[in-house]
Protein backbone atom coordinates (compact mmCIF):
# COMPACT_ATOMS: atom_id res chain seq x y z
CA MET A 1 5.52 -18.34 40.65
CA ILE A 2 7.12 -20.31 37.85
CA ILE A 3 10.10 -19.10 35.89
CA VAL A 4 9.94 -19.55 32.14
CA GLY A 5 12.88 -19.29 29.71
CA LEU A 6 12.07 -17.87 26.27
CA THR A 7 14.72 -18.63 23.62
CA GLY A 8 15.25 -19.01 19.94
CA GLY A 9 17.81 -18.47 17.28
CA ILE A 10 18.77 -15.05 15.90
CA GLY A 11 15.89 -13.64 13.80
CA SER A 12 13.32 -16.19 15.04
CA GLY A 13 11.27 -13.36 16.69
CA LYS A 14 11.86 -13.98 20.44
CA THR A 15 11.26 -10.28 21.19
CA THR A 16 8.02 -10.25 19.21
CA VAL A 17 6.79 -13.33 21.15
CA GLY A 18 7.95 -11.67 24.39
CA LYS A 19 5.88 -8.51 23.57
CA LEU A 20 2.80 -10.76 23.01
CA PHE A 21 3.19 -12.32 26.50
CA LYS A 22 3.64 -8.74 27.89
CA LYS A 23 0.22 -7.84 26.30
CA LEU A 24 -1.26 -10.65 28.29
CA GLY A 25 0.08 -9.05 31.41
CA ILE A 26 3.12 -11.32 32.00
CA PRO A 27 6.38 -9.67 33.12
CA VAL A 28 9.14 -10.28 30.53
CA TYR A 29 12.83 -9.70 31.23
CA ASN A 30 14.93 -9.08 28.12
CA SER A 31 18.38 -10.37 28.84
CA ASP A 32 20.05 -8.74 25.82
CA LYS A 33 18.84 -5.34 26.77
CA GLN A 34 19.78 -5.82 30.44
CA ALA A 35 23.20 -7.16 29.45
CA LYS A 36 23.81 -3.97 27.46
CA LYS A 37 22.68 -1.85 30.38
CA LEU A 38 24.98 -3.79 32.78
CA MET A 39 27.89 -3.48 30.51
CA LYS A 40 27.38 0.29 30.79
CA SER A 41 26.24 0.73 34.44
CA SER A 42 28.13 -2.02 36.39
CA LYS A 43 31.65 -1.00 37.31
CA THR A 44 32.61 -4.60 37.91
CA VAL A 45 31.37 -5.78 34.47
CA ARG A 46 33.12 -2.79 32.82
CA ASN A 47 36.47 -3.54 34.49
CA ASP A 48 36.25 -7.23 33.72
CA VAL A 49 35.44 -6.51 30.02
CA LYS A 50 38.37 -4.16 29.79
CA LYS A 51 40.66 -6.64 31.40
CA LEU A 52 39.56 -9.31 28.81
CA LEU A 53 39.39 -7.20 25.67
CA GLY A 54 41.60 -4.12 26.43
CA SER A 55 40.70 -0.52 27.27
CA GLU A 56 39.45 0.11 23.68
CA ALA A 57 36.35 -1.91 24.67
CA TYR A 58 34.94 1.41 25.99
CA VAL A 59 35.14 4.85 24.58
CA ASP A 60 33.99 7.76 26.78
CA ASN A 61 32.38 5.12 29.12
CA LYS A 62 30.37 3.77 26.28
CA LEU A 63 30.69 0.20 25.07
CA ASN A 64 32.66 0.20 21.78
CA LYS A 65 30.31 -2.39 20.08
CA VAL A 66 32.19 -2.50 16.74
CA TYR A 67 35.50 -3.14 18.56
CA VAL A 68 34.02 -5.76 20.84
CA ALA A 69 32.26 -7.50 18.00
CA SER A 70 35.44 -7.59 15.94
CA LYS A 71 37.32 -9.18 18.88
CA VAL A 72 34.89 -11.97 19.77
CA PHE A 73 33.06 -12.70 16.47
CA ASN A 74 35.45 -15.34 15.11
CA ASN A 75 37.05 -16.16 18.48
CA LYS A 76 34.80 -18.64 20.30
CA ASP A 77 37.21 -18.76 23.27
CA LEU A 78 37.04 -15.00 23.81
CA LEU A 79 33.30 -15.02 23.26
CA GLN A 80 32.92 -17.71 25.98
CA GLN A 81 35.04 -15.62 28.42
CA LEU A 82 33.05 -12.54 27.69
CA ASN A 83 29.82 -14.49 28.28
CA ALA A 84 31.29 -15.76 31.52
CA ILE A 85 31.48 -12.10 32.67
CA ILE A 86 28.10 -11.05 31.48
CA HIS A 87 25.75 -14.00 32.09
CA PRO A 88 26.37 -14.30 35.86
CA ALA A 89 25.74 -10.52 36.20
CA VAL A 90 22.53 -10.81 34.23
CA ARG A 91 21.47 -13.90 36.18
CA LYS A 92 21.91 -11.92 39.54
CA HIS A 93 20.02 -8.96 38.17
CA PHE A 94 17.23 -11.26 36.90
CA GLN A 95 16.84 -12.90 40.27
CA LYS A 96 16.48 -9.53 41.98
CA TRP A 97 13.96 -8.51 39.29
CA VAL A 98 11.88 -11.67 39.90
CA LYS A 99 11.53 -10.92 43.63
CA LYS A 100 9.76 -7.74 42.80
CA LYS A 101 7.12 -9.39 40.52
CA LYS A 102 3.69 -10.65 41.49
CA SER A 103 2.53 -12.91 38.67
CA SER A 104 1.60 -16.54 38.01
CA TYR A 105 4.76 -16.78 35.97
CA VAL A 106 7.56 -14.59 34.60
CA ILE A 107 9.55 -14.92 31.46
CA GLN A 108 13.29 -14.38 30.80
CA GLU A 109 14.04 -13.87 27.16
CA THR A 110 17.54 -15.04 26.42
CA ALA A 111 19.24 -16.00 23.18
CA ILE A 112 21.71 -18.80 23.97
CA LEU A 113 19.91 -20.34 26.94
CA LEU A 114 20.30 -23.99 25.78
CA GLU A 115 23.85 -23.57 24.34
CA ASN A 116 24.93 -22.45 27.84
CA SER A 117 23.11 -25.29 29.60
CA MET A 118 20.89 -22.82 31.43
CA GLN A 119 17.74 -24.78 31.05
CA TYR A 120 18.11 -26.08 34.65
CA PHE A 121 17.34 -22.54 35.91
CA TYR A 122 13.81 -22.69 34.55
CA ASP A 123 10.54 -24.52 35.25
CA LYS A 124 9.55 -24.38 31.56
CA ILE A 125 11.28 -23.49 28.23
CA ILE A 126 9.60 -21.79 25.28
CA LEU A 127 11.44 -22.16 21.96
CA VAL A 128 10.63 -19.71 19.21
CA THR A 129 11.38 -21.12 15.73
CA ALA A 130 11.17 -19.76 12.15
CA PRO A 131 12.45 -21.06 8.82
CA GLU A 132 16.03 -19.96 8.03
CA GLY A 133 15.03 -17.81 5.02
CA VAL A 134 12.50 -15.92 7.15
CA ARG A 135 15.10 -15.40 9.81
CA ILE A 136 17.77 -14.07 7.36
CA ALA A 137 15.22 -11.66 5.81
CA ARG A 138 14.27 -10.33 9.28
CA ILE A 139 17.91 -9.73 10.32
CA LYS A 140 18.71 -8.00 7.01
CA GLU A 141 15.73 -5.70 7.58
CA ARG A 142 16.91 -5.01 11.03
CA ASP A 143 20.62 -4.28 10.66
CA SER A 144 21.77 -4.48 6.94
CA SER A 145 24.08 -7.49 7.58
CA THR A 146 25.14 -9.60 4.58
CA ASP A 147 23.98 -13.24 4.20
CA ASP A 148 27.46 -14.44 5.16
CA GLN A 149 27.61 -12.36 8.35
CA ILE A 150 24.19 -13.62 9.34
CA LYS A 151 25.11 -17.23 8.66
CA ALA A 152 28.30 -16.82 10.70
CA ARG A 153 26.15 -15.58 13.66
CA MET A 154 23.85 -18.58 13.23
CA GLN A 155 26.80 -20.86 13.37
CA ASN A 156 27.40 -19.73 16.97
CA GLN A 157 23.93 -21.01 17.91
CA TRP A 158 22.54 -24.45 17.92
CA ASN A 159 20.08 -25.37 15.17
CA ASP A 160 16.37 -25.88 16.03
CA LYS A 161 16.61 -29.68 15.64
CA ARG A 162 19.04 -29.75 18.54
CA LYS A 163 16.89 -27.38 20.71
CA ILE A 164 13.46 -28.79 20.13
CA PRO A 165 13.85 -31.85 22.40
CA LEU A 166 14.89 -29.58 25.30
CA ALA A 167 11.88 -27.24 25.03
CA ASP A 168 8.50 -27.63 26.70
CA PHE A 169 6.64 -25.42 24.20
CA ILE A 170 7.51 -24.65 20.52
CA ILE A 171 6.17 -21.46 18.98
CA GLU A 172 6.71 -21.24 15.26
CA ASN A 173 6.83 -17.52 14.38
CA LYS A 174 6.11 -17.30 10.64
CA GLU A 175 2.69 -15.63 10.38
CA LEU A 176 1.95 -13.19 13.25
CA ASN A 177 -1.75 -14.13 13.52
CA GLN A 178 -0.74 -17.79 14.05
CA THR A 179 1.89 -16.73 16.53
CA VAL A 180 -0.65 -14.77 18.50
CA ILE A 181 -2.94 -17.83 18.72
CA LYS A 182 -0.04 -20.09 19.84
CA VAL A 183 1.17 -17.57 22.47
CA LYS A 184 -2.41 -17.48 23.95
CA GLU A 185 -2.50 -21.29 23.98
CA VAL A 186 0.85 -21.53 25.75
CA HIS A 187 -0.20 -18.76 28.19
CA GLY A 188 -3.20 -20.88 29.15
CA LEU A 189 -1.01 -23.97 29.74
CA LEU A 190 1.38 -22.02 31.85
CA LEU A 191 -1.42 -20.63 34.02
CA ASP A 192 -2.72 -24.11 34.48
CA HIS A 193 0.78 -25.32 35.39
CA SER A 194 1.31 -22.52 37.92
CA GLY A 195 -2.05 -23.33 39.58
CA HIS A 196 -3.88 -20.17 38.54
């Protein structure tokens, strides 16, 4: 079984692409969703987050997202420390998940894979791209952020030019019907690569 990393900047449509692979019968692990679950369910993660950000990080055992975001958004140091708590926990959880799967390949969808030098964990990397204007429009539709807030988030990620040389496959996600065709093409190549 080969392990594939699926990444792309905020608003590029990683989750949409992940769902298309799922439709083809490929197990897809969504790191963001699992990170949120682990921040709630793992005592170790919860305690480490509280140590780092203060007890206000949780209210009634629920993650205080607004508080956490306000602490780490403009503090790269703190964000890195938070990631250093969450990423290893997600990594461990993902490895357990993989062991239960029977498939030619599995996909781990994760936002800042390349920024965190995690490409070495994967046999292949898929990068999802989309023009900046499209990405901004998608994010606004999703969570009523302002252009400035979105651009600030984009600043925390590498631009596509920097990511492209590190990816094995590029899926431009502008028009859904084109994306579907490209996903099927990449799926075929991955099946060949895995020997199926």
